[in-house]
C-alpha atoms as a PDB file:
ATOM      1  CA  MET A   1      22.621   2.642  -4.687  1.00  0.00           C
ATOM      2  CA  SER A   2      19.785   0.883  -3.151  1.00  0.00           C
ATOM      3  CA  ALA A   3      16.135   1.997  -3.874  1.00  0.00           C
ATOM      4  CA  PRO A   4      14.686   4.458  -1.319  1.00  0.00           C
ATOM      5  CA  PHE A   5      11.774   2.234  -0.796  1.00  0.00           C
ATOM      6  CA  SER A   6      10.975  -1.256  -1.799  1.00  0.00           C
ATOM      7  CA  LEU A   7       8.345  -3.840  -1.978  1.00  0.00           C
ATOM      8  CA  THR A   8       7.872  -7.507  -1.272  1.00  0.00           C
ATOM      9  CA  GLU A   9       6.433  -9.887  -3.892  1.00  0.00           C
ATOM     10  CA  ASN A  10       3.267 -10.011  -1.858  1.00  0.00           C
ATOM     11  CA  ALA A  11       2.952  -6.324  -1.913  1.00  0.00           C
ATOM     12  CA  SER A  12       3.713  -5.865  -5.479  1.00  0.00           C
ATOM     13  CA  LYS A  13       0.860  -8.594  -6.297  1.00  0.00           C
ATOM     14  CA  ARG A  14      -1.608  -6.684  -3.949  1.00  0.00           C
ATOM     15  CA  ILE A  15      -0.932  -3.364  -5.605  1.00  0.00           C
ATOM     16  CA  LYS A  16      -1.448  -4.853  -9.054  1.00  0.00           C
ATOM     17  CA  ILE A  17      -4.652  -6.548  -8.038  1.00  0.00           C
ATOM     18  CA  LEU A  18      -5.816  -3.153  -6.601  1.00  0.00           C
ATOM     19  CA  LEU A  19      -4.814  -1.137  -9.733  1.00  0.00           C
ATOM     20  CA  GLU A  20      -6.701  -3.533 -11.780  1.00  0.00           C
ATOM     21  CA  LYS A  21      -9.902  -3.681  -9.611  1.00  0.00           C
ATOM     22  CA  ARG A  22      -9.885   0.343  -9.776  1.00  0.00           C
ATOM     23  CA  GLY A  23     -11.678   0.344 -12.952  1.00  0.00           C
ATOM     24  CA  ARG A  24      -9.710   3.341 -14.621  1.00  0.00           C
ATOM     25  CA  PRO A  25      -6.230   3.936 -15.560  1.00  0.00           C
ATOM     26  CA  SER A  26      -3.687   4.684 -12.654  1.00  0.00           C
ATOM     27  CA  LEU A  27       0.141   5.464 -13.130  1.00  0.00           C
ATOM     28  CA  GLY A  28       0.857   3.819  -9.788  1.00  0.00           C
ATOM     29  CA  ILE A  29       0.379   4.296  -5.997  1.00  0.00           C
ATOM     30  CA  ARG A  30       1.562   7.253  -4.116  1.00  0.00           C
ATOM     31  CA  ILE A  31       2.993   7.031  -0.547  1.00  0.00           C
ATOM     32  CA  GLY A  32       2.907   9.418   1.940  1.00  0.00           C
ATOM     33  CA  ILE A  33       2.911  10.417   5.745  1.00  0.00           C
ATOM     34  CA  LYS A  34       0.094  12.175   7.490  1.00  0.00           C
ATOM     35  CA  THR A  35       0.234  13.540  10.890  1.00  0.00           C
ATOM     36  CA  LYS A  36      -2.145  11.577  12.616  1.00  0.00           C
ATOM     37  CA  GLY A  37      -2.771   8.955  15.458  1.00  0.00           C
ATOM     38  CA  CYS A  38      -1.392   8.666  18.670  1.00  0.00           C
ATOM     39  CA  SER A  39       2.212   8.250  18.048  1.00  0.00           C
ATOM     40  CA  GLY A  40       2.184  11.175  15.588  1.00  0.00           C
ATOM     41  CA  LEU A  41       2.590   9.855  11.946  1.00  0.00           C
ATOM     42  CA  GLN A  42       0.523   7.480   9.768  1.00  0.00           C
ATOM     43  CA  TYR A  43       1.138   6.104   6.342  1.00  0.00           C
ATOM     44  CA  SER A  44      -0.949   7.105   3.570  1.00  0.00           C
ATOM     45  CA  LEU A  45      -1.749   5.276   0.207  1.00  0.00           C
ATOM     46  CA  GLU A  46      -3.386   6.715  -2.852  1.00  0.00           C
ATOM     47  CA  TYR A  47      -3.880   6.109  -6.650  1.00  0.00           C
ATOM     48  CA  ALA A  48      -1.550   8.429  -8.367  1.00  0.00           C
ATOM     49  CA  ASP A  49      -3.223   9.391 -11.631  1.00  0.00           C
ATOM     50  CA  ALA A  50      -0.162  11.712 -12.395  1.00  0.00           C
ATOM     51  CA  LYS A  51       3.339  12.497 -11.175  1.00  0.00           C
ATOM     52  CA  ASN A  52       3.579  15.540  -8.992  1.00  0.00           C
ATOM     53  CA  PRO A  53       6.561  17.561  -9.644  1.00  0.00           C
ATOM     54  CA  LEU A  54       8.408  16.744  -6.694  1.00  0.00           C
ATOM     55  CA  ASP A  55       7.780  13.321  -6.447  1.00  0.00           C
ATOM     56  CA  GLU A  56      10.225  10.656  -6.096  1.00  0.00           C
ATOM     57  CA  GLU A  57       9.393   7.656  -8.420  1.00  0.00           C
ATOM     58  CA  VAL A  58      10.265   4.184  -7.725  1.00  0.00           C
ATOM     59  CA  LYS A  59       9.883   1.232 -10.138  1.00  0.00           C
ATOM     60  CA  GLU A  60       9.779  -1.990  -8.404  1.00  0.00           C
ATOM     61  CA  GLY A  61       9.228  -4.450 -11.312  1.00  0.00           C
ATOM     62  CA  ASP A  62       6.100  -3.498 -13.121  1.00  0.00           C
ATOM     63  CA  VAL A  63       4.728  -1.290 -10.147  1.00  0.00           C
ATOM     64  CA  THR A  64       5.330   2.345  -9.872  1.00  0.00           C
ATOM     65  CA  LEU A  65       5.438   4.020  -6.802  1.00  0.00           C
ATOM     66  CA  PHE A  66       5.443   7.736  -5.977  1.00  0.00           C
ATOM     67  CA  ILE A  67       6.864   8.924  -2.778  1.00  0.00           C
ATOM     68  CA  ASP A  68       5.441  12.183  -1.652  1.00  0.00           C
ATOM     69  CA  PRO A  69       8.710  14.324  -0.916  1.00  0.00           C
ATOM     70  CA  LYS A  70       7.535  15.442   2.476  1.00  0.00           C
ATOM     71  CA  ALA A  71       7.756  11.884   3.387  1.00  0.00           C
ATOM     72  CA  MET A  72      10.917  10.833   2.139  1.00  0.00           C
ATOM     73  CA  MET A  73      13.107  11.586   5.276  1.00  0.00           C
ATOM     74  CA  PHE A  74      10.904   9.465   7.257  1.00  0.00           C
ATOM     75  CA  ILE A  75      10.567   6.435   5.025  1.00  0.00           C
ATOM     76  CA  LEU A  76      13.718   6.090   3.268  1.00  0.00           C
ATOM     77  CA  GLY A  77      14.875   2.472   3.333  1.00  0.00           C
ATOM     78  CA  THR A  78      11.405   1.250   4.122  1.00  0.00           C
ATOM     79  CA  GLU A  79      10.136  -2.125   2.928  1.00  0.00           C
ATOM     80  CA  MET A  80       6.204  -2.542   2.244  1.00  0.00           C
ATOM     81  CA  ASP A  81       4.819  -5.918   2.769  1.00  0.00           C
ATOM     82  CA  PHE A  82       1.190  -7.318   2.495  1.00  0.00           C
ATOM     83  CA  VAL A  83       0.333  -9.810   4.878  1.00  0.00           C
ATOM     84  CA  GLU A  84      -2.996 -11.854   5.074  1.00  0.00           C
ATOM     85  CA  ASP A  85      -4.146 -14.434   8.097  1.00  0.00           C
ATOM     86  CA  THR A  86      -7.189 -15.435   9.428  1.00  0.00           C
ATOM     87  CA  MET A  87      -7.640 -12.342  11.469  1.00  0.00           C
ATOM     88  CA  GLN A  88      -6.502  -9.566   9.188  1.00  0.00           C
ATOM     89  CA  SER A  89      -4.908  -8.287   6.167  1.00  0.00           C
ATOM     90  CA  GLY A  90      -3.166  -5.215   4.956  1.00  0.00           C
ATOM     91  CA  PHE A  91      -0.012  -3.632   4.186  1.00  0.00           C
ATOM     92  CA  VAL A  92       2.783  -3.703   6.924  1.00  0.00           C
ATOM     93  CA  PHE A  93       5.760  -1.159   6.578  1.00  0.00           C
ATOM     94  CA  ASN A  94       9.229  -2.320   7.924  1.00  0.00           C
ATOM     95  CA  ASN A  95      10.838   1.137   8.421  1.00  0.00           C
ATOM     96  CA  PRO A  96      14.324   1.117   9.993  1.00  0.00           C
ATOM     97  CA  ASN A  97      13.626   4.807  10.839  1.00  0.00           C
ATOM     98  CA  GLU A  98      10.685   4.083  13.244  1.00  0.00           C
ATOM     99  CA  LYS A  99      11.801   4.536  16.903  1.00  0.00           C
ATOM    100  CA  GLY A 100       8.316   3.409  18.217  1.00  0.00           C
ATOM    101  CA  LYS A 101       4.562   2.730  17.432  1.00  0.00           C
ATOM    102  CA  CYS A 102       1.321   3.117  19.213  1.00  0.00           C
ATOM    103  CA  GLY A 103      -0.371   0.054  20.845  1.00  0.00           C
ATOM    104  CA  CYS A 104      -2.810  -0.538  17.760  1.00  0.00           C
ATOM    105  CA  GLY A 105       0.191  -0.260  15.265  1.00  0.00           C
ATOM    106  CA  LYS A 106      -1.616   2.273  13.161  1.00  0.00           C
ATOM    107  CA  SER A 107       1.002   5.147  13.932  1.00  0.00           C
ATOM    108  CA  PHE A 108       4.686   5.556  14.565  1.00  0.00           C
ATOM    109  CA  HIS A 109       7.173   8.114  15.361  1.00  0.00           C
ATOM    110  CA  VAL A 110      10.675   8.791  14.241  1.00  0.00           C
END
């Protein structure tokens, strides 16, 4: 069975850097979905200091992801990448469940 959520090598490296720079211990990163933006849904990332009882825990190498159970049906099969170019840098979500995105790319719908 494949993981419900995966990271590229670039995303994994960036998460490790962010966790190291935080200045306090973290279990990993929590990924969720918020109702926001012009298309309706937006990804959310936050430091995870504890595992919530219903979180889905995914280990990608030495990075631990906690997926909010309310987000799971929207992001199942998603790959998270980190891209950096001369104009911008940030996490990008390659989600097979997306049916469309808003013009600015910040929100999506399924």
